[in-house]
Amino acid sequence: MLDTTDIPALMADIGQRARTAARVLAGAATADKRAALTGAADGMGRNIAQILEANANDMDLARQKGLDRAMLDRLALDAVRVRAMQDSLRAVAAQTDPVGEVTAEWDRPSGLHIQRVRVPIGVIGVIYESRPNVTADAGALCLMAGNAVILRGGSESLHSSQAIHACLVEGLRMAGLPEDAIQLVPTRDRAAVGEMLAMTGTIDVIVPRGGKGLVGRVQRDARVPVFAHLEGIVHIYLDADADPEKALRIVLNAKTRRPGICGAAECLLIHRGIVDDIGQGVVRALLDAGVEVRADTRLSAIEGTVAADSSDWGREYLDMTIAARVVADMDEAMDHIARHGSNHTDCIVTENAEAAARFLSRVDSAIVMHNASTQFADGGEFGMGAEIGIATGRLHARGPVGATELTTTKYVVRADGALRP
């Protein structure tokens, strides 16, 4: 039984066991990894009552702590969300195994045959808040990529994460893979996070997934490399050539489907040429849907809006609130995004192919969209089965981080006695 009071010793032990498991996983057969994931999915089905009971305990504690609506939505599980986790596990299992993929191959006059091959990174540390489904998604993606993973979920989701983790361990056991391949830090003590950020000898990369406070701390304090996005400040620009019906449906879905996720629209930019018809219609529809619209001077004349101030530009609400302003043209829209965005996801709604192409090439975000709800900014919707997060940096991985992004490469060189002169 692990001593959860001695945090440095606890984390050192978890790290060493993860490193040992990673060496085994690096050579694990694809069939075994798939068997572990499908076994975990089956285990969730058998244990759905226990998972929901654990989540109910977490929800009670979260309400007592006064968590806001967005955080409660992220934490909550029901039968539909558990089935979605099962589906994600099976989807990841069905993917092509990225380990061993030859990404480039060539011959040299010296007699060398060179291949660049995908290999596991090693040990991944995942630090996350609220959403217990991250336990399943992160565990599955790291396993398929041949990595061991150390999961440190939020204190508010500990019971849920433990119930889900038990199913993942069951799958590993059934497949004959090391149970230490997917470990869950068994304590709410925040000192465990500090230890993870300094575990350069056993953790190869940290992936934080949560609010600005968590991600900012990880980026600031980590000695281990980090894949991260700080905020999802997502914009939708309604161009002069936007289709009225598409604009209405896209904006409503992007804001209201699940306002607490990082792909939810947070700022609406409207070309001045359509503000009196399409723009006002979209704003009124948002108001009718219960969204608080924080509007600039031009739009604040619409009854029911709230006057925006400077703090509303570049703000992630994660709630039924959106900022809205009128722009003179696409250049002003792109300038606003460059100044206030977070390089996460931004969208243009237009029927003008040339305008769309210009927006998609000029806006420097991890995900850029044309005529699509920003709620699609999700690895599962991109066909990755799941994601471990949306990376907004420029090194190694950018956008949804799936199994492929959790690999690195090495060079395999073959020859027949080649000598360098």
Protein backbone atom coordinates (compact mmCIF):
# COMPACT_ATOMS: atom_id res chain seq x y z
CA MET A 1 0.00 0.00 0.00
CA LEU A 2 1.43 3.36 -1.04
CA ASP A 3 2.06 5.93 1.69
CA THR A 4 0.14 8.98 0.44
CA THR A 5 1.49 11.24 3.19
CA ASP A 6 5.10 11.25 1.97
CA ILE A 7 4.48 12.99 -1.35
CA PRO A 8 8.09 13.09 -2.65
CA ALA A 9 8.54 9.36 -1.97
CA LEU A 10 5.10 8.58 -3.41
CA MET A 11 5.76 10.44 -6.65
CA ALA A 12 9.28 9.05 -7.00
CA ASP A 13 7.89 5.53 -6.70
CA ILE A 14 5.12 6.23 -9.24
CA GLY A 15 7.66 7.72 -11.63
CA GLN A 16 10.05 4.78 -11.43
CA ARG A 17 7.25 2.28 -11.97
CA ALA A 18 6.02 4.30 -14.96
CA ARG A 19 9.52 4.33 -16.47
CA THR A 20 9.76 0.55 -16.09
CA ALA A 21 6.34 0.08 -17.69
CA ALA A 22 7.27 2.43 -20.55
CA ARG A 23 10.15 0.16 -21.56
CA VAL A 24 7.71 -2.74 -21.89
CA LEU A 25 5.10 -0.69 -23.73
CA ALA A 26 7.61 0.55 -26.30
CA GLY A 27 7.63 -2.94 -27.80
CA ALA A 28 4.02 -3.92 -27.06
CA ALA A 29 2.05 -5.50 -29.88
CA THR A 30 -0.75 -3.48 -31.41
CA ALA A 31 -3.18 -6.33 -30.70
CA ASP A 32 -2.36 -6.21 -26.99
CA LYS A 33 -2.86 -2.45 -26.77
CA ARG A 34 -6.19 -2.79 -28.56
CA ALA A 35 -7.23 -5.62 -26.27
CA ALA A 36 -6.45 -3.48 -23.21
CA LEU A 37 -8.57 -0.60 -24.50
CA THR A 38 -11.55 -2.70 -25.54
CA GLY A 39 -11.32 -4.55 -22.23
CA ALA A 40 -11.41 -1.22 -20.39
CA ALA A 41 -14.44 -0.14 -22.42
CA ASP A 42 -16.23 -3.38 -21.57
CA GLY A 43 -15.30 -2.89 -17.92
CA MET A 44 -16.94 0.55 -17.93
CA GLY A 45 -20.13 -1.05 -19.17
CA ARG A 46 -20.08 -3.60 -16.38
CA ASN A 47 -19.27 -0.98 -13.75
CA ILE A 48 -21.42 1.93 -14.91
CA ALA A 49 -23.38 1.96 -11.63
CA GLN A 50 -20.18 2.28 -9.60
CA ILE A 51 -18.86 5.03 -11.89
CA LEU A 52 -22.07 7.06 -11.58
CA GLU A 53 -22.17 6.54 -7.81
CA ALA A 54 -18.59 7.80 -7.52
CA ASN A 55 -19.47 10.78 -9.69
CA ALA A 56 -22.49 11.57 -7.54
CA ASN A 57 -20.16 11.78 -4.54
CA ASP A 58 -17.89 14.16 -6.42
CA MET A 59 -20.84 16.30 -7.52
CA ASP A 60 -22.07 16.61 -3.93
CA LEU A 61 -18.64 17.76 -2.76
CA ALA A 62 -18.33 20.16 -5.71
CA ARG A 63 -21.66 21.82 -4.91
CA GLN A 64 -20.61 22.18 -1.27
CA LYS A 65 -17.40 23.88 -2.46
CA GLY A 66 -19.47 26.29 -4.58
CA LEU A 67 -18.10 25.33 -8.01
CA ASP A 68 -19.69 27.36 -10.82
CA ARG A 69 -22.07 26.03 -13.46
CA ALA A 70 -19.39 25.49 -16.09
CA MET A 71 -17.21 23.45 -13.72
CA LEU A 72 -20.16 21.37 -12.57
CA ASP A 73 -21.04 20.61 -16.19
CA ARG A 74 -17.50 19.47 -16.86
CA LEU A 75 -17.54 17.24 -13.79
CA ALA A 76 -20.95 15.64 -14.29
CA LEU A 77 -21.33 12.13 -15.69
CA ASP A 78 -24.45 10.31 -16.79
CA ALA A 79 -25.06 7.12 -18.76
CA VAL A 80 -24.68 8.98 -22.06
CA ARG A 81 -21.30 10.43 -21.11
CA VAL A 82 -20.05 7.08 -19.82
CA ARG A 83 -21.06 5.48 -23.13
CA ALA A 84 -19.19 8.28 -24.90
CA MET A 85 -16.06 7.36 -22.93
CA GLN A 86 -16.52 3.73 -23.93
CA ASP A 87 -16.91 4.77 -27.57
CA SER A 88 -13.73 6.87 -27.35
CA LEU A 89 -11.76 3.94 -25.97
CA ARG A 90 -12.97 1.71 -28.78
CA ALA A 91 -12.30 4.41 -31.37
CA VAL A 92 -8.72 4.81 -30.18
CA ALA A 93 -8.30 1.03 -30.19
CA ALA A 94 -9.49 0.91 -33.81
CA GLN A 95 -6.96 3.48 -35.01
CA THR A 96 -3.81 2.69 -36.89
CA ASP A 97 -1.01 2.21 -34.38
CA PRO A 98 1.38 5.16 -34.86
CA VAL A 99 4.34 3.32 -33.29
CA GLY A 100 6.65 1.99 -35.98
CA GLU A 101 5.23 4.13 -38.77
CA VAL A 102 7.91 5.06 -41.30
CA THR A 103 7.41 8.76 -41.97
CA ALA A 104 10.28 9.12 -44.45
CA GLU A 105 12.73 6.79 -46.18
CA TRP A 106 15.68 7.34 -48.50
CA ASP A 107 19.01 5.98 -49.73
CA ARG A 108 22.39 7.67 -49.73
CA PRO A 109 25.25 7.20 -52.23
CA SER A 110 27.34 5.99 -49.27
CA GLY A 111 25.25 2.84 -49.08
CA LEU A 112 23.08 3.94 -46.16
CA HIS A 113 19.35 3.19 -46.16
CA ILE A 114 17.71 5.64 -43.74
CA GLN A 115 14.21 5.58 -42.23
CA ARG A 116 12.55 8.06 -39.90
CA VAL A 117 10.29 6.01 -37.63
CA ARG A 118 7.67 6.94 -35.03
CA VAL A 119 8.45 5.79 -31.49
CA PRO A 120 6.85 6.46 -28.07
CA ILE A 121 7.90 9.54 -26.12
CA GLY A 122 8.20 7.48 -22.91
CA VAL A 123 6.33 8.71 -19.83
CA ILE A 124 3.60 11.35 -20.09
CA GLY A 125 2.32 13.29 -17.08
CA VAL A 126 -1.24 14.62 -17.38
CA ILE A 127 -2.52 17.20 -14.89
CA TYR A 128 -6.19 18.08 -15.25
CA GLU A 129 -9.21 19.59 -13.56
CA SER A 130 -12.82 18.52 -13.23
CA ARG A 131 -13.47 16.46 -16.34
CA PRO A 132 -13.24 12.79 -15.33
CA ASN A 133 -13.43 11.68 -18.97
CA VAL A 134 -9.84 12.95 -19.35
CA THR A 135 -8.83 9.93 -17.25
CA ALA A 136 -10.11 7.61 -19.98
CA ASP A 137 -9.03 9.72 -22.96
CA ALA A 138 -5.50 10.38 -21.73
CA GLY A 139 -4.98 6.81 -20.61
CA ALA A 140 -6.16 5.46 -23.95
CA LEU A 141 -4.14 7.80 -26.15
CA CYS A 142 -0.93 7.38 -24.19
CA LEU A 143 -1.31 3.61 -24.26
CA MET A 144 -1.95 3.46 -28.01
CA ALA A 145 1.17 5.60 -28.54
CA GLY A 146 3.19 3.18 -26.41
CA ASN A 147 3.67 5.57 -23.49
CA ALA A 148 3.21 5.07 -19.79
CA VAL A 149 1.11 7.82 -18.21
CA ILE A 150 0.83 9.37 -14.77
CA LEU A 151 -2.60 10.96 -14.28
CA ARG A 152 -3.18 13.65 -11.69
CA GLY A 153 -6.86 14.56 -11.82
CA GLY A 154 -8.55 17.41 -10.01
CA SER A 155 -9.39 16.97 -6.35
CA GLU A 156 -13.06 17.52 -7.20
CA SER A 157 -13.11 14.48 -9.55
CA LEU A 158 -11.05 12.01 -7.50
CA HIS A 159 -13.81 9.44 -6.90
CA SER A 160 -14.91 9.47 -10.55
CA SER A 161 -11.35 9.22 -11.82
CA GLN A 162 -10.59 6.32 -9.49
CA ALA A 163 -13.62 4.38 -10.76
CA ILE A 164 -12.65 5.00 -14.39
CA HIS A 165 -8.99 4.22 -13.71
CA ALA A 166 -9.95 0.87 -12.21
CA CYS A 167 -11.51 -0.09 -15.56
CA LEU A 168 -8.35 0.93 -17.42
CA VAL A 169 -6.22 -1.20 -15.09
CA GLU A 170 -8.59 -4.12 -15.60
CA GLY A 171 -8.08 -3.81 -19.35
CA LEU A 172 -4.28 -3.76 -18.97
CA ARG A 173 -4.40 -6.83 -16.74
CA MET A 174 -6.57 -8.76 -19.17
CA ALA A 175 -4.22 -7.92 -22.06
CA GLY A 176 -1.11 -8.93 -20.14
CA LEU A 177 0.34 -5.41 -20.15
CA PRO A 178 1.91 -3.81 -17.04
CA GLU A 179 -0.68 -2.28 -14.75
CA ASP A 180 1.75 0.54 -14.02
CA ALA A 181 1.33 1.71 -17.62
CA ILE A 182 -1.59 3.90 -16.48
CA GLN A 183 -1.25 5.25 -12.93
CA LEU A 184 -3.52 7.67 -11.10
CA VAL A 185 -1.98 9.81 -8.36
CA PRO A 186 -3.97 8.65 -5.28
CA THR A 187 -4.06 11.90 -3.34
CA ARG A 188 -5.67 15.34 -3.43
CA ASP A 189 -2.53 16.90 -1.98
CA ARG A 190 -1.45 19.68 -4.35
CA ALA A 191 2.18 18.99 -3.53
CA ALA A 192 1.92 16.07 -5.96
CA VAL A 193 1.58 18.56 -8.82
CA GLY A 194 4.75 20.35 -7.76
CA GLU A 195 6.60 17.05 -7.65
CA MET A 196 5.41 16.09 -11.14
CA LEU A 197 6.61 19.39 -12.58
CA ALA A 198 10.14 18.62 -11.40
CA MET A 199 10.33 14.90 -12.30
CA THR A 200 12.82 15.37 -15.14
CA GLY A 201 14.30 11.93 -14.57
CA THR A 202 11.08 10.01 -15.07
CA ILE A 203 8.53 12.20 -16.91
CA ASP A 204 9.28 13.21 -20.49
CA VAL A 205 6.45 15.69 -21.08
CA ILE A 206 3.61 17.24 -19.07
CA VAL A 207 0.16 17.92 -20.53
CA PRO A 208 -1.99 20.27 -18.41
CA ARG A 209 -5.70 20.42 -19.11
CA GLY A 210 -7.80 22.87 -17.17
CA GLY A 211 -8.32 26.52 -16.36
CA LYS A 212 -5.99 29.45 -16.76
CA GLY A 213 -4.70 29.15 -13.20
CA LEU A 214 -3.64 25.51 -13.57
CA VAL A 215 -2.14 25.83 -17.04
CA GLY A 216 -0.36 29.07 -16.15
CA ARG A 217 1.23 27.45 -13.11
CA VAL A 218 2.39 24.45 -15.12
CA GLN A 219 3.89 26.61 -17.87
CA ARG A 220 5.57 28.83 -15.30
CA ASP A 221 6.95 26.21 -12.92
CA ALA A 222 7.56 23.06 -14.98
CA ARG A 223 11.09 21.82 -15.49
CA VAL A 224 9.66 19.10 -17.71
CA PRO A 225 8.66 20.07 -21.31
CA VAL A 226 4.97 21.04 -21.63
CA PHE A 227 2.24 20.65 -24.29
CA ALA A 228 -0.41 23.21 -23.35
CA HIS A 229 -2.98 25.81 -24.24
CA LEU A 230 -3.62 28.57 -21.75
CA GLU A 231 -7.14 29.60 -22.82
CA GLY A 232 -9.69 28.97 -25.55
CA ILE A 233 -10.51 32.53 -26.61
CA VAL A 234 -12.45 31.54 -29.70
CA HIS A 235 -13.70 34.02 -32.32
CA ILE A 236 -16.30 33.78 -35.07
CA TYR A 237 -16.12 36.39 -37.80
CA LEU A 238 -19.28 36.96 -39.88
CA ASP A 239 -17.99 38.20 -43.22
CA ALA A 240 -19.79 40.55 -45.61
CA ASP A 241 -20.72 37.51 -47.71
CA ALA A 242 -22.00 35.35 -44.86
CA ASP A 243 -25.11 33.26 -45.49
CA PRO A 244 -27.79 34.39 -42.98
CA GLU A 245 -29.04 30.92 -42.08
CA LYS A 246 -25.56 29.42 -41.75
CA ALA A 247 -24.40 32.36 -39.65
CA LEU A 248 -27.32 31.97 -37.26
CA ARG A 249 -26.99 28.21 -36.83
CA ILE A 250 -23.20 28.21 -36.54
CA VAL A 251 -23.03 30.98 -33.93
CA LEU A 252 -25.82 29.50 -31.80
CA ASN A 253 -24.25 26.04 -31.83
CA ALA A 254 -20.75 27.39 -31.20
CA LYS A 255 -21.89 29.33 -28.14
CA THR A 256 -24.75 27.36 -26.60
CA ARG A 257 -24.17 23.64 -27.27
CA ARG A 258 -21.69 23.34 -24.39
CA PRO A 259 -20.53 26.79 -23.30
CA GLY A 260 -18.03 25.39 -20.79
CA ILE A 261 -15.68 23.70 -23.26
CA CYS A 262 -12.57 25.27 -24.77
CA GLY A 263 -14.04 25.26 -28.29
CA ALA A 264 -17.04 27.38 -27.33
CA ALA A 265 -17.24 30.76 -29.10
CA GLU A 266 -16.32 33.67 -26.82
CA CYS A 267 -16.31 36.61 -29.24
CA LEU A 268 -18.46 37.45 -32.26
CA LEU A 269 -17.06 39.80 -34.91
CA ILE A 270 -19.56 41.20 -37.45
CA HIS A 271 -18.72 42.96 -40.71
CA ARG A 272 -20.29 46.43 -40.72
CA GLY A 273 -21.98 45.76 -44.05
CA ILE A 274 -24.27 43.09 -42.56
CA VAL A 275 -24.78 44.43 -39.06
CA ASP A 276 -28.29 45.82 -39.67
CA ASP A 277 -29.72 42.53 -40.93
CA ILE A 278 -27.68 39.36 -40.36
CA GLY A 279 -25.76 40.78 -37.40
CA GLN A 280 -28.78 42.00 -35.47
CA GLY A 281 -30.60 38.76 -36.19
CA VAL A 282 -27.79 36.68 -34.78
CA VAL A 283 -27.46 38.88 -31.67
CA ARG A 284 -31.20 38.70 -30.99
CA ALA A 285 -31.14 34.92 -31.43
CA LEU A 286 -28.33 34.67 -28.88
CA LEU A 287 -30.33 36.80 -26.45
CA ASP A 288 -33.42 34.65 -27.01
CA ALA A 289 -31.31 31.57 -26.24
CA GLY A 290 -30.35 33.02 -22.86
CA VAL A 291 -26.89 34.26 -23.79
CA GLU A 292 -25.65 37.50 -22.25
CA VAL A 293 -24.25 39.58 -25.12
CA ARG A 294 -21.62 42.13 -24.13
CA ALA A 295 -21.79 44.48 -27.08
CA ASP A 296 -19.73 47.33 -28.48
CA THR A 297 -21.22 50.79 -29.03
CA ARG A 298 -22.85 49.90 -32.36
CA LEU A 299 -24.50 46.72 -31.11
CA SER A 300 -25.39 47.93 -27.62
CA ALA A 301 -28.38 49.71 -29.15
CA ILE A 302 -30.02 46.28 -29.46
CA GLU A 303 -32.40 45.85 -26.53
CA GLY A 304 -31.18 43.27 -24.02
CA THR A 305 -27.46 43.59 -24.67
CA VAL A 306 -24.96 44.75 -22.06
CA ALA A 307 -22.33 47.36 -22.87
CA ALA A 308 -18.91 45.78 -23.22
CA ASP A 309 -15.79 47.21 -21.65
CA SER A 310 -12.13 46.63 -22.47
CA SER A 311 -11.95 43.49 -20.28
CA ASP A 312 -14.45 41.69 -22.50
CA TRP A 313 -12.07 41.50 -25.46
CA GLY A 314 -9.82 38.49 -25.00
CA ARG A 315 -11.88 36.91 -22.25
CA GLU A 316 -12.74 33.23 -21.87
CA TYR A 317 -16.19 33.10 -20.28
CA LEU A 318 -16.87 29.34 -20.37
CA ASP A 319 -20.49 30.27 -19.75
CA MET A 320 -23.56 31.65 -21.52
CA THR A 321 -21.85 34.97 -22.24
CA ILE A 322 -20.30 36.27 -25.45
CA ALA A 323 -18.59 39.50 -26.47
CA ALA A 324 -19.67 41.07 -29.77
CA ARG A 325 -18.38 43.94 -31.88
CA VAL A 326 -18.63 45.39 -35.37
CA VAL A 327 -15.52 45.49 -37.56
CA ALA A 328 -14.93 47.47 -40.74
CA ASP A 329 -13.60 44.52 -42.73
CA MET A 330 -11.70 41.25 -42.52
CA ASP A 331 -8.41 43.00 -41.85
CA GLU A 332 -9.84 44.56 -38.70
CA ALA A 333 -11.31 41.22 -37.68
CA MET A 334 -7.95 39.49 -38.11
CA ASP A 335 -6.21 42.28 -36.24
CA HIS A 336 -8.65 41.88 -33.33
CA ILE A 337 -8.01 38.12 -33.28
CA ALA A 338 -4.24 38.66 -33.34
CA ARG A 339 -4.42 41.08 -30.40
CA HIS A 340 -7.02 39.33 -28.26
CA GLY A 341 -7.02 35.67 -29.30
CA SER A 342 -5.22 32.72 -27.73
CA ASN A 343 -4.16 30.90 -30.93
CA HIS A 344 -6.71 28.16 -30.18
CA THR A 345 -9.62 28.16 -32.68
CA ASP A 346 -11.05 30.87 -34.91
CA CYS A 347 -13.73 30.72 -37.61
CA ILE A 348 -14.95 32.70 -40.62
CA VAL A 349 -18.52 32.42 -41.91
CA THR A 350 -18.65 33.43 -45.58
CA GLU A 351 -19.70 32.27 -49.04
CA ASN A 352 -16.70 34.05 -50.55
CA ALA A 353 -14.05 31.40 -51.26
CA GLU A 354 -11.29 33.97 -51.70
CA ALA A 355 -12.09 35.62 -48.36
CA ALA A 356 -12.19 32.22 -46.65
CA ALA A 357 -8.82 31.22 -48.09
CA ARG A 358 -7.26 34.50 -46.93
CA PHE A 359 -8.63 34.12 -43.41
CA LEU A 360 -7.52 30.48 -43.13
CA SER A 361 -3.98 31.30 -44.26
CA ARG A 362 -3.51 34.53 -42.29
CA VAL A 363 -5.02 33.72 -38.90
CA ASP A 364 -2.30 32.14 -36.76
CA SER A 365 -4.29 29.71 -34.65
CA ALA A 366 -3.91 25.99 -34.04
CA ILE A 367 -7.34 25.43 -35.63
CA VAL A 368 -8.94 27.68 -38.26
CA MET A 369 -12.41 26.98 -39.62
CA HIS A 370 -14.69 28.01 -42.45
CA ASN A 371 -18.47 27.69 -42.09
CA ALA A 372 -18.32 25.25 -39.16
CA SER A 373 -19.18 25.46 -35.50
CA THR A 374 -16.12 25.89 -33.33
CA GLN A 375 -17.53 23.16 -31.08
CA PHE A 376 -15.89 20.78 -33.58
CA ALA A 377 -12.48 21.80 -32.15
CA ASP A 378 -12.05 18.39 -30.59
CA GLY A 379 -9.81 15.42 -31.32
CA GLY A 380 -12.74 13.00 -31.34
CA GLU A 381 -14.50 15.08 -33.99
CA PHE A 382 -11.26 15.16 -36.00
CA GLY A 383 -11.26 11.36 -36.15
CA MET A 384 -8.58 10.88 -33.48
CA GLY A 385 -10.92 8.91 -31.21
CA ALA A 386 -10.12 11.31 -28.38
CA GLU A 387 -7.63 14.02 -27.50
CA ILE A 388 -5.39 14.76 -24.57
CA GLY A 389 -5.77 18.50 -25.17
CA ILE A 390 -5.44 21.26 -27.79
CA ALA A 391 -1.83 22.42 -28.05
CA THR A 392 -1.42 26.05 -29.08
CA GLY A 393 2.38 26.16 -29.03
CA ARG A 394 4.50 25.84 -32.13
CA LEU A 395 6.86 23.03 -31.21
CA HIS A 396 6.25 19.30 -31.68
CA ALA A 397 2.45 19.27 -31.52
CA ARG A 398 -0.16 21.87 -32.43
CA GLY A 399 -3.94 21.48 -32.36
CA PRO A 400 -5.66 18.36 -31.00
CA VAL A 401 -3.10 16.07 -29.39
CA GLY A 402 -3.97 12.49 -30.29
CA ALA A 403 -1.96 9.27 -30.25
CA THR A 404 0.23 10.29 -33.19
CA GLU A 405 1.18 13.56 -31.49
CA LEU A 406 2.24 11.56 -28.43
CA THR A 407 5.07 9.97 -30.37
CA THR A 408 8.48 11.23 -31.39
CA THR A 409 10.84 9.88 -34.05
CA LYS A 410 14.15 8.14 -34.35
CA TYR A 411 16.31 7.36 -37.36
CA VAL A 412 16.94 3.75 -38.33
CA VAL A 413 20.01 3.35 -40.53
CA ARG A 414 20.89 0.12 -42.39
CA ALA A 415 23.86 -0.65 -44.55
CA ASP A 416 26.08 -3.52 -45.69
CA GLY A 417 29.46 -2.66 -44.21
CA ALA A 418 29.41 1.01 -45.23
CA LEU A 419 32.47 3.02 -44.13
CA ARG A 420 32.86 6.80 -44.11
CA PRO A 421 35.94 7.91 -46.02
